[in-house]
């Protein structure tokens, strides 16, 4: 134990084959990620100690299930990445997808860097910034993900300008999905959003599938200039205001 209510080990991966079904031959990486969450993640306040007992079902597998919504070789931005949920889980499940973790808090950025480096996730980049600070560079991602960040109307305002026309916002919302989608209808229209749907991921694999609100970015979605195919690169400036960018340490 490292203190009251804290643990130094991750709970064992659940039986039943969900880990292998979602992570395939990278299941061992998923287990190492769970260990980071249960140890340093708890110690540094990125995840609550009470969450450790349900770490796999509620967090790691819940996020990894969303990988089925990603197309091959897409560019994904995880907004308000926090403990790398869903971003790191998706990067482990889908090594063909490039993932940019956007997180404004320095202590979380440092932890994310350490985990990404330890897991050897070469397709993952960490950017210290708020999502709106990246708007000036224009849309550059195919999909934006977010979990437990903000209400859907506010979240869409942060995320839709980051994705190319026809790209998607994947918001993990749980049981509140239908209510939030209805409440955000007006805001989504003003943002130029296209199709909005609610889907369940991990059906037949997870005991409780992951509920995701999928919002398509329309051609009229607000965005600043820049090529829709532009990719985040090391050494560049993530936004006009110059938020710090970091990459995994070698």
C-alpha atoms as a PDB file:
ATOM      1  CA  UNK A   1       0.000   0.000   0.000  1.00  0.00           C
ATOM      2  CA  UNK A   2       1.180   3.569  -0.715  1.00  0.00           C
ATOM      3  CA  UNK A   3      -1.282   5.255   1.596  1.00  0.00           C
ATOM      4  CA  UNK A   4      -4.842   4.942   2.838  1.00  0.00           C
ATOM      5  CA  UNK A   5      -7.056   3.516   0.119  1.00  0.00           C
ATOM      6  CA  UNK A   6      -4.213   3.255  -2.389  1.00  0.00           C
ATOM      7  CA  UNK A   7      -2.704   0.228  -4.023  1.00  0.00           C
ATOM      8  CA  UNK A   8       0.526  -0.662  -5.775  1.00  0.00           C
ATOM      9  CA  UNK A   9      -0.923  -3.304  -8.071  1.00  0.00           C
ATOM     10  CA  UNK A  10      -3.577  -3.363 -10.755  1.00  0.00           C
ATOM     11  CA  UNK A  11      -6.500  -5.791 -10.484  1.00  0.00           C
ATOM     12  CA  UNK A  12      -6.084  -8.857 -12.689  1.00  0.00           C
ATOM     13  CA  UNK A  13      -7.493  -8.658 -16.179  1.00  0.00           C
ATOM     14  CA  UNK A  14     -11.058 -10.007 -16.222  1.00  0.00           C
ATOM     15  CA  UNK A  15     -11.726 -13.486 -17.512  1.00  0.00           C
ATOM     16  CA  UNK A  16     -14.045 -14.116 -20.442  1.00  0.00           C
ATOM     17  CA  UNK A  17     -11.827 -12.987 -23.286  1.00  0.00           C
ATOM     18  CA  UNK A  18     -12.789  -9.295 -23.465  1.00  0.00           C
ATOM     19  CA  UNK A  19      -9.188  -8.118 -23.116  1.00  0.00           C
ATOM     20  CA  UNK A  20      -7.972 -10.265 -26.015  1.00  0.00           C
ATOM     21  CA  UNK A  21     -11.081  -9.469 -28.079  1.00  0.00           C
ATOM     22  CA  UNK A  22     -10.436  -5.732 -27.803  1.00  0.00           C
ATOM     23  CA  UNK A  23      -6.630  -5.596 -27.695  1.00  0.00           C
ATOM     24  CA  UNK A  24      -5.578  -8.740 -29.582  1.00  0.00           C
ATOM     25  CA  UNK A  25      -1.852  -9.429 -29.384  1.00  0.00           C
ATOM     26  CA  UNK A  26      -1.368  -6.127 -27.531  1.00  0.00           C
ATOM     27  CA  UNK A  27      -3.204  -7.353 -24.437  1.00  0.00           C
ATOM     28  CA  UNK A  28       0.041  -7.244 -22.455  1.00  0.00           C
ATOM     29  CA  UNK A  29       0.376  -3.525 -23.219  1.00  0.00           C
ATOM     30  CA  UNK A  30      -3.166  -2.998 -21.960  1.00  0.00           C
ATOM     31  CA  UNK A  31      -2.242  -4.760 -18.717  1.00  0.00           C
ATOM     32  CA  UNK A  32       0.776  -2.496 -18.301  1.00  0.00           C
ATOM     33  CA  UNK A  33      -1.405   0.548 -18.891  1.00  0.00           C
ATOM     34  CA  UNK A  34      -3.827  -0.685 -16.223  1.00  0.00           C
ATOM     35  CA  UNK A  35      -0.890  -1.035 -13.832  1.00  0.00           C
ATOM     36  CA  UNK A  36       0.139   2.571 -14.491  1.00  0.00           C
ATOM     37  CA  UNK A  37      -3.415   3.712 -13.766  1.00  0.00           C
ATOM     38  CA  UNK A  38      -3.628   1.724 -10.545  1.00  0.00           C
ATOM     39  CA  UNK A  39      -0.237   2.839  -9.222  1.00  0.00           C
ATOM     40  CA  UNK A  40       1.184   6.177 -10.332  1.00  0.00           C
ATOM     41  CA  UNK A  41      -2.202   7.227 -11.715  1.00  0.00           C
ATOM     42  CA  UNK A  42      -3.716   6.933  -8.246  1.00  0.00           C
ATOM     43  CA  UNK A  43      -0.681   8.352  -6.474  1.00  0.00           C
ATOM     44  CA  UNK A  44      -0.731  11.491  -8.637  1.00  0.00           C
ATOM     45  CA  UNK A  45      -4.470  11.970  -8.488  1.00  0.00           C
ATOM     46  CA  UNK A  46      -5.323  11.127 -12.091  1.00  0.00           C
ATOM     47  CA  UNK A  47      -7.724   8.416 -11.038  1.00  0.00           C
ATOM     48  CA  UNK A  48      -9.497   7.882  -7.727  1.00  0.00           C
ATOM     49  CA  UNK A  49      -8.423   4.990  -5.505  1.00  0.00           C
ATOM     50  CA  UNK A  50     -11.997   3.689  -5.402  1.00  0.00           C
ATOM     51  CA  UNK A  51     -11.845   3.196  -9.161  1.00  0.00           C
ATOM     52  CA  UNK A  52      -9.059   0.603  -8.983  1.00  0.00           C
ATOM     53  CA  UNK A  53     -11.372  -2.333  -8.271  1.00  0.00           C
ATOM     54  CA  UNK A  54     -13.396  -1.566 -11.403  1.00  0.00           C
ATOM     55  CA  UNK A  55     -10.492  -0.306 -13.482  1.00  0.00           C
ATOM     56  CA  UNK A  56     -10.894  -2.777 -16.343  1.00  0.00           C
ATOM     57  CA  UNK A  57     -14.649  -2.786 -16.850  1.00  0.00           C
ATOM     58  CA  UNK A  58     -15.395   0.880 -16.145  1.00  0.00           C
ATOM     59  CA  UNK A  59     -12.326   2.455 -17.707  1.00  0.00           C
ATOM     60  CA  UNK A  60      -9.890   0.443 -19.851  1.00  0.00           C
ATOM     61  CA  UNK A  61     -12.312  -1.878 -21.657  1.00  0.00           C
ATOM     62  CA  UNK A  62     -15.058   0.730 -21.747  1.00  0.00           C
ATOM     63  CA  UNK A  63     -12.722   3.005 -23.707  1.00  0.00           C
ATOM     64  CA  UNK A  64     -11.092   0.366 -25.893  1.00  0.00           C
ATOM     65  CA  UNK A  65     -14.487  -0.722 -27.219  1.00  0.00           C
ATOM     66  CA  UNK A  66     -14.752   2.595 -29.075  1.00  0.00           C
ATOM     67  CA  UNK A  67     -11.906   1.449 -31.357  1.00  0.00           C
ATOM     68  CA  UNK A  68     -14.501  -0.278 -33.533  1.00  0.00           C
ATOM     69  CA  UNK A  69     -15.685   3.176 -34.676  1.00  0.00           C
ATOM     70  CA  UNK A  70     -12.259   4.181 -36.002  1.00  0.00           C
ATOM     71  CA  UNK A  71     -11.393   3.693 -39.656  1.00  0.00           C
ATOM     72  CA  UNK A  72      -7.960   2.439 -40.749  1.00  0.00           C
ATOM     73  CA  UNK A  73      -5.111   4.933 -40.341  1.00  0.00           C
ATOM     74  CA  UNK A  74      -7.293   7.753 -39.071  1.00  0.00           C
ATOM     75  CA  UNK A  75      -5.893  10.687 -37.115  1.00  0.00           C
ATOM     76  CA  UNK A  76      -7.508  10.974 -33.694  1.00  0.00           C
ATOM     77  CA  UNK A  77      -7.359  13.785 -31.136  1.00  0.00           C
ATOM     78  CA  UNK A  78      -8.306  12.931 -27.558  1.00  0.00           C
ATOM     79  CA  UNK A  79      -9.544  16.132 -25.921  1.00  0.00           C
ATOM     80  CA  UNK A  80      -9.060  16.531 -22.177  1.00  0.00           C
ATOM     81  CA  UNK A  81      -7.167  13.252 -22.150  1.00  0.00           C
ATOM     82  CA  UNK A  82      -6.502  13.243 -18.398  1.00  0.00           C
ATOM     83  CA  UNK A  83      -5.454   9.688 -17.551  1.00  0.00           C
ATOM     84  CA  UNK A  84      -5.270   8.701 -21.223  1.00  0.00           C
ATOM     85  CA  UNK A  85      -8.895   7.601 -21.338  1.00  0.00           C
ATOM     86  CA  UNK A  86      -9.901   6.918 -24.011  1.00  0.00           C
ATOM     87  CA  UNK A  87      -6.809   8.013 -25.967  1.00  0.00           C
ATOM     88  CA  UNK A  88      -4.170   5.572 -24.733  1.00  0.00           C
ATOM     89  CA  UNK A  89      -6.601   2.663 -24.656  1.00  0.00           C
ATOM     90  CA  UNK A  90      -7.496   3.384 -28.287  1.00  0.00           C
ATOM     91  CA  UNK A  91      -3.842   3.677 -29.301  1.00  0.00           C
ATOM     92  CA  UNK A  92      -3.130   0.263 -27.809  1.00  0.00           C
ATOM     93  CA  UNK A  93      -6.153  -1.324 -29.462  1.00  0.00           C
ATOM     94  CA  UNK A  94      -5.537   0.355 -32.839  1.00  0.00           C
ATOM     95  CA  UNK A  95      -1.820   0.777 -33.614  1.00  0.00           C
ATOM     96  CA  UNK A  96      -2.721   1.878 -37.160  1.00  0.00           C
ATOM     97  CA  UNK A  97      -4.347   5.054 -35.819  1.00  0.00           C
ATOM     98  CA  UNK A  98      -2.309   8.113 -34.801  1.00  0.00           C
ATOM     99  CA  UNK A  99      -3.487   9.622 -31.520  1.00  0.00           C
ATOM    100  CA  UNK A 100      -2.822  13.105 -30.154  1.00  0.00           C
ATOM    101  CA  UNK A 101      -3.539  13.486 -26.448  1.00  0.00           C
ATOM    102  CA  UNK A 102      -4.551  17.062 -25.626  1.00  0.00           C
ATOM    103  CA  UNK A 103      -4.379  17.966 -21.948  1.00  0.00           C
ATOM    104  CA  UNK A 104      -3.932  21.428 -20.360  1.00  0.00           C
ATOM    105  CA  UNK A 105      -2.653  20.440 -16.896  1.00  0.00           C
ATOM    106  CA  UNK A 106       1.117  20.040 -16.628  1.00  0.00           C
ATOM    107  CA  UNK A 107       1.079  17.272 -14.011  1.00  0.00           C
ATOM    108  CA  UNK A 108      -1.192  15.175 -16.207  1.00  0.00           C
ATOM    109  CA  UNK A 109       0.933  15.886 -19.274  1.00  0.00           C
ATOM    110  CA  UNK A 110       4.041  14.662 -17.454  1.00  0.00           C
ATOM    111  CA  UNK A 111       2.273  11.455 -16.443  1.00  0.00           C
ATOM    112  CA  UNK A 112       0.972  10.883 -19.965  1.00  0.00           C
ATOM    113  CA  UNK A 113       4.468  11.363 -21.380  1.00  0.00           C
ATOM    114  CA  UNK A 114       5.886   8.818 -18.962  1.00  0.00           C
ATOM    115  CA  UNK A 115       3.223   6.222 -19.728  1.00  0.00           C
ATOM    116  CA  UNK A 116       3.451   6.690 -23.496  1.00  0.00           C
ATOM    117  CA  UNK A 117       7.239   6.349 -23.337  1.00  0.00           C
ATOM    118  CA  UNK A 118       7.126   3.276 -21.108  1.00  0.00           C
ATOM    119  CA  UNK A 119       4.610   1.532 -23.353  1.00  0.00           C
ATOM    120  CA  UNK A 120       6.564   2.464 -26.487  1.00  0.00           C
ATOM    121  CA  UNK A 121       3.512   3.953 -28.200  1.00  0.00           C
ATOM    122  CA  UNK A 122       5.152   5.535 -31.239  1.00  0.00           C
ATOM    123  CA  UNK A 123       1.818   6.555 -32.777  1.00  0.00           C
ATOM    124  CA  UNK A 124       0.939   8.752 -29.780  1.00  0.00           C
ATOM    125  CA  UNK A 125       1.794  12.413 -29.242  1.00  0.00           C
ATOM    126  CA  UNK A 126       1.106  14.499 -26.135  1.00  0.00           C
ATOM    127  CA  UNK A 127       0.188  18.179 -26.473  1.00  0.00           C
ATOM    128  CA  UNK A 128      -0.189  20.517 -23.539  1.00  0.00           C
ATOM    129  CA  UNK A 129      -3.033  22.831 -24.533  1.00  0.00           C
ATOM    130  CA  UNK A 130      -6.719  23.505 -24.290  1.00  0.00           C
ATOM    131  CA  UNK A 131      -8.681  22.333 -27.292  1.00  0.00           C
ATOM    132  CA  UNK A 132      -9.699  25.847 -28.253  1.00  0.00           C
ATOM    133  CA  UNK A 133      -6.035  26.874 -28.441  1.00  0.00           C
ATOM    134  CA  UNK A 134      -5.648  24.505 -31.384  1.00  0.00           C
ATOM    135  CA  UNK A 135      -8.488  26.003 -33.413  1.00  0.00           C
ATOM    136  CA  UNK A 136      -6.299  28.625 -35.095  1.00  0.00           C
ATOM    137  CA  UNK A 137      -4.312  25.962 -36.957  1.00  0.00           C
ATOM    138  CA  UNK A 138      -7.467  24.680 -38.624  1.00  0.00           C
ATOM    139  CA  UNK A 139      -8.923  21.168 -38.742  1.00  0.00           C
ATOM    140  CA  UNK A 140      -6.332  18.416 -38.959  1.00  0.00           C
ATOM    141  CA  UNK A 141      -7.926  15.308 -37.451  1.00  0.00           C
ATOM    142  CA  UNK A 142     -10.403  12.745 -38.732  1.00  0.00           C
ATOM    143  CA  UNK A 143     -11.969  12.079 -35.353  1.00  0.00           C
ATOM    144  CA  UNK A 144     -12.083  13.670 -31.910  1.00  0.00           C
ATOM    145  CA  UNK A 145     -12.754  11.682 -28.751  1.00  0.00           C
ATOM    146  CA  UNK A 146     -13.670  12.811 -25.260  1.00  0.00           C
ATOM    147  CA  UNK A 147     -14.801  11.189 -22.045  1.00  0.00           C
ATOM    148  CA  UNK A 148     -16.138  12.906 -18.916  1.00  0.00           C
ATOM    149  CA  UNK A 149     -14.937  16.320 -20.115  1.00  0.00           C
ATOM    150  CA  UNK A 150     -17.998  18.570 -20.516  1.00  0.00           C
ATOM    151  CA  UNK A 151     -21.643  18.705 -21.575  1.00  0.00           C
ATOM    152  CA  UNK A 152     -22.147  17.839 -25.231  1.00  0.00           C
ATOM    153  CA  UNK A 153     -22.941  21.371 -26.408  1.00  0.00           C
ATOM    154  CA  UNK A 154     -19.724  22.778 -24.951  1.00  0.00           C
ATOM    155  CA  UNK A 155     -17.719  19.720 -25.975  1.00  0.00           C
ATOM    156  CA  UNK A 156     -18.835  20.039 -29.595  1.00  0.00           C
ATOM    157  CA  UNK A 157     -17.711  23.656 -29.646  1.00  0.00           C
ATOM    158  CA  UNK A 158     -14.238  22.565 -28.580  1.00  0.00           C
ATOM    159  CA  UNK A 159     -13.949  19.487 -30.786  1.00  0.00           C
ATOM    160  CA  UNK A 160     -15.728  20.040 -34.097  1.00  0.00           C
ATOM    161  CA  UNK A 161     -13.324  22.799 -35.259  1.00  0.00           C
ATOM    162  CA  UNK A 162     -10.484  20.274 -34.887  1.00  0.00           C
ATOM    163  CA  UNK A 163     -11.868  17.710 -37.326  1.00  0.00           C
ATOM    164  CA  UNK A 164     -12.122  17.809 -41.099  1.00  0.00           C
ATOM    165  CA  UNK A 165     -15.538  18.092 -42.815  1.00  0.00           C
ATOM    166  CA  UNK A 166     -17.165  14.693 -42.558  1.00  0.00           C
ATOM    167  CA  UNK A 167     -15.023  13.842 -39.528  1.00  0.00           C
ATOM    168  CA  UNK A 168     -16.605  12.793 -36.257  1.00  0.00           C
ATOM    169  CA  UNK A 169     -16.796  13.646 -32.609  1.00  0.00           C
ATOM    170  CA  UNK A 170     -17.057  10.482 -30.501  1.00  0.00           C
ATOM    171  CA  UNK A 171     -18.304  11.498 -27.074  1.00  0.00           C
ATOM    172  CA  UNK A 172     -18.470   8.723 -24.469  1.00  0.00           C
ATOM    173  CA  UNK A 173     -21.583   9.657 -22.530  1.00  0.00           C
ATOM    174  CA  UNK A 174     -23.116   6.617 -20.865  1.00  0.00           C
ATOM    175  CA  UNK A 175     -26.732   6.662 -19.770  1.00  0.00           C
ATOM    176  CA  UNK A 176     -27.068  10.437 -20.200  1.00  0.00           C
ATOM    177  CA  UNK A 177     -26.431  10.242 -23.953  1.00  0.00           C
ATOM    178  CA  UNK A 178     -29.998  10.710 -25.210  1.00  0.00           C
ATOM    179  CA  UNK A 179     -30.747  13.571 -22.818  1.00  0.00           C
ATOM    180  CA  UNK A 180     -27.509  15.371 -23.641  1.00  0.00           C
ATOM    181  CA  UNK A 181     -28.031  14.968 -27.374  1.00  0.00           C
ATOM    182  CA  UNK A 182     -31.506  16.427 -27.137  1.00  0.00           C
ATOM    183  CA  UNK A 183     -30.317  19.332 -24.976  1.00  0.00           C
ATOM    184  CA  UNK A 184     -27.450  20.090 -27.365  1.00  0.00           C
ATOM    185  CA  UNK A 185     -29.528  20.012 -30.569  1.00  0.00           C
ATOM    186  CA  UNK A 186     -29.619  23.770 -31.022  1.00  0.00           C
ATOM    187  CA  UNK A 187     -25.926  24.233 -30.310  1.00  0.00           C
ATOM    188  CA  UNK A 188     -24.989  21.439 -32.713  1.00  0.00           C
ATOM    189  CA  UNK A 189     -27.032  23.059 -35.469  1.00  0.00           C
ATOM    190  CA  UNK A 190     -25.324  26.406 -34.878  1.00  0.00           C
ATOM    191  CA  UNK A 191     -21.950  24.638 -35.076  1.00  0.00           C
ATOM    192  CA  UNK A 192     -22.841  23.246 -38.484  1.00  0.00           C
ATOM    193  CA  UNK A 193     -22.901  19.644 -37.292  1.00  0.00           C
ATOM    194  CA  UNK A 194     -24.280  16.982 -39.580  1.00  0.00           C
ATOM    195  CA  UNK A 195     -25.659  13.593 -38.596  1.00  0.00           C
ATOM    196  CA  UNK A 196     -25.957  12.830 -34.878  1.00  0.00           C
ATOM    197  CA  UNK A 197     -26.420   9.278 -33.651  1.00  0.00           C
ATOM    198  CA  UNK A 198     -26.071   7.216 -30.498  1.00  0.00           C
ATOM    199  CA  UNK A 199     -24.293   3.881 -30.825  1.00  0.00           C
ATOM    200  CA  UNK A 200     -23.250   1.078 -28.493  1.00  0.00           C
ATOM    201  CA  UNK A 201     -19.754  -0.354 -28.761  1.00  0.00           C
ATOM    202  CA  UNK A 202     -18.531  -3.693 -27.487  1.00  0.00           C
ATOM    203  CA  UNK A 203     -21.882  -5.421 -27.837  1.00  0.00           C
ATOM    204  CA  UNK A 204     -21.391  -9.131 -27.231  1.00  0.00           C
ATOM    205  CA  UNK A 205     -17.969  -8.480 -25.677  1.00  0.00           C
ATOM    206  CA  UNK A 206     -18.681  -6.246 -22.687  1.00  0.00           C
ATOM    207  CA  UNK A 207     -21.299  -6.926 -20.045  1.00  0.00           C
ATOM    208  CA  UNK A 208     -22.300  -3.266 -20.341  1.00  0.00           C
ATOM    209  CA  UNK A 209     -21.569  -1.843 -23.817  1.00  0.00           C
ATOM    210  CA  UNK A 210     -20.085   1.625 -24.177  1.00  0.00           C
ATOM    211  CA  UNK A 211     -22.566   4.302 -25.218  1.00  0.00           C
ATOM    212  CA  UNK A 212     -21.164   6.888 -27.623  1.00  0.00           C
ATOM    213  CA  UNK A 213     -22.693   9.997 -29.157  1.00  0.00           C
ATOM    214  CA  UNK A 214     -21.378  10.323 -32.708  1.00  0.00           C
ATOM    215  CA  UNK A 215     -21.578  13.822 -34.201  1.00  0.00           C
ATOM    216  CA  UNK A 216     -20.473  14.426 -37.782  1.00  0.00           C
ATOM    217  CA  UNK A 217     -18.684  17.663 -38.607  1.00  0.00           C
ATOM    218  CA  UNK A 218     -20.476  19.382 -41.478  1.00  0.00           C
ATOM    219  CA  UNK A 219     -18.909  21.519 -44.185  1.00  0.00           C
ATOM    220  CA  UNK A 220     -20.085  24.629 -42.369  1.00  0.00           C
ATOM    221  CA  UNK A 221     -18.551  23.705 -39.017  1.00  0.00           C
ATOM    222  CA  UNK A 222     -16.645  26.731 -37.628  1.00  0.00           C
ATOM    223  CA  UNK A 223     -12.929  26.469 -38.183  1.00  0.00           C
ATOM    224  CA  UNK A 224      -9.896  28.604 -38.820  1.00  0.00           C
ATOM    225  CA  UNK A 225      -7.754  28.406 -41.942  1.00  0.00           C
ATOM    226  CA  UNK A 226      -5.438  25.555 -42.776  1.00  0.00           C
ATOM    227  CA  UNK A 227      -5.439  22.424 -44.860  1.00  0.00           C
ATOM    228  CA  UNK A 228      -7.905  19.743 -43.872  1.00  0.00           C
ATOM    229  CA  UNK A 229      -5.160  17.164 -44.305  1.00  0.00           C
ATOM    230  CA  UNK A 230      -2.597  18.896 -42.093  1.00  0.00           C
ATOM    231  CA  UNK A 231      -1.036  16.672 -39.447  1.00  0.00           C
ATOM    232  CA  UNK A 232       0.423  17.608 -36.091  1.00  0.00           C
ATOM    233  CA  UNK A 233       4.200  17.389 -36.278  1.00  0.00           C
ATOM    234  CA  UNK A 234       6.942  17.506 -33.697  1.00  0.00           C
ATOM    235  CA  UNK A 235       8.663  20.812 -33.229  1.00  0.00           C
ATOM    236  CA  UNK A 236       5.783  22.882 -34.608  1.00  0.00           C
ATOM    237  CA  UNK A 237       3.494  25.260 -32.773  1.00  0.00           C
ATOM    238  CA  UNK A 238       0.210  23.709 -31.753  1.00  0.00           C
ATOM    239  CA  UNK A 239      -1.637  27.017 -31.701  1.00  0.00           C
ATOM    240  CA  UNK A 240      -1.163  30.699 -32.298  1.00  0.00           C
ATOM    241  CA  UNK A 241      -0.839  31.220 -28.552  1.00  0.00           C
ATOM    242  CA  UNK A 242       1.927  28.652 -28.460  1.00  0.00           C
ATOM    243  CA  UNK A 243       0.860  25.893 -26.003  1.00  0.00           C
ATOM    244  CA  UNK A 244       3.641  23.542 -25.079  1.00  0.00           C
ATOM    245  CA  UNK A 245       3.964  20.385 -27.236  1.00  0.00           C
ATOM    246  CA  UNK A 246       5.660  17.253 -26.082  1.00  0.00           C
ATOM    247  CA  UNK A 247       6.498  13.891 -27.569  1.00  0.00           C
ATOM    248  CA  UNK A 248       7.310  10.574 -25.909  1.00  0.00           C
ATOM    249  CA  UNK A 249      10.813  10.518 -24.534  1.00  0.00           C
ATOM    250  CA  UNK A 250      13.182   8.114 -26.235  1.00  0.00           C
END
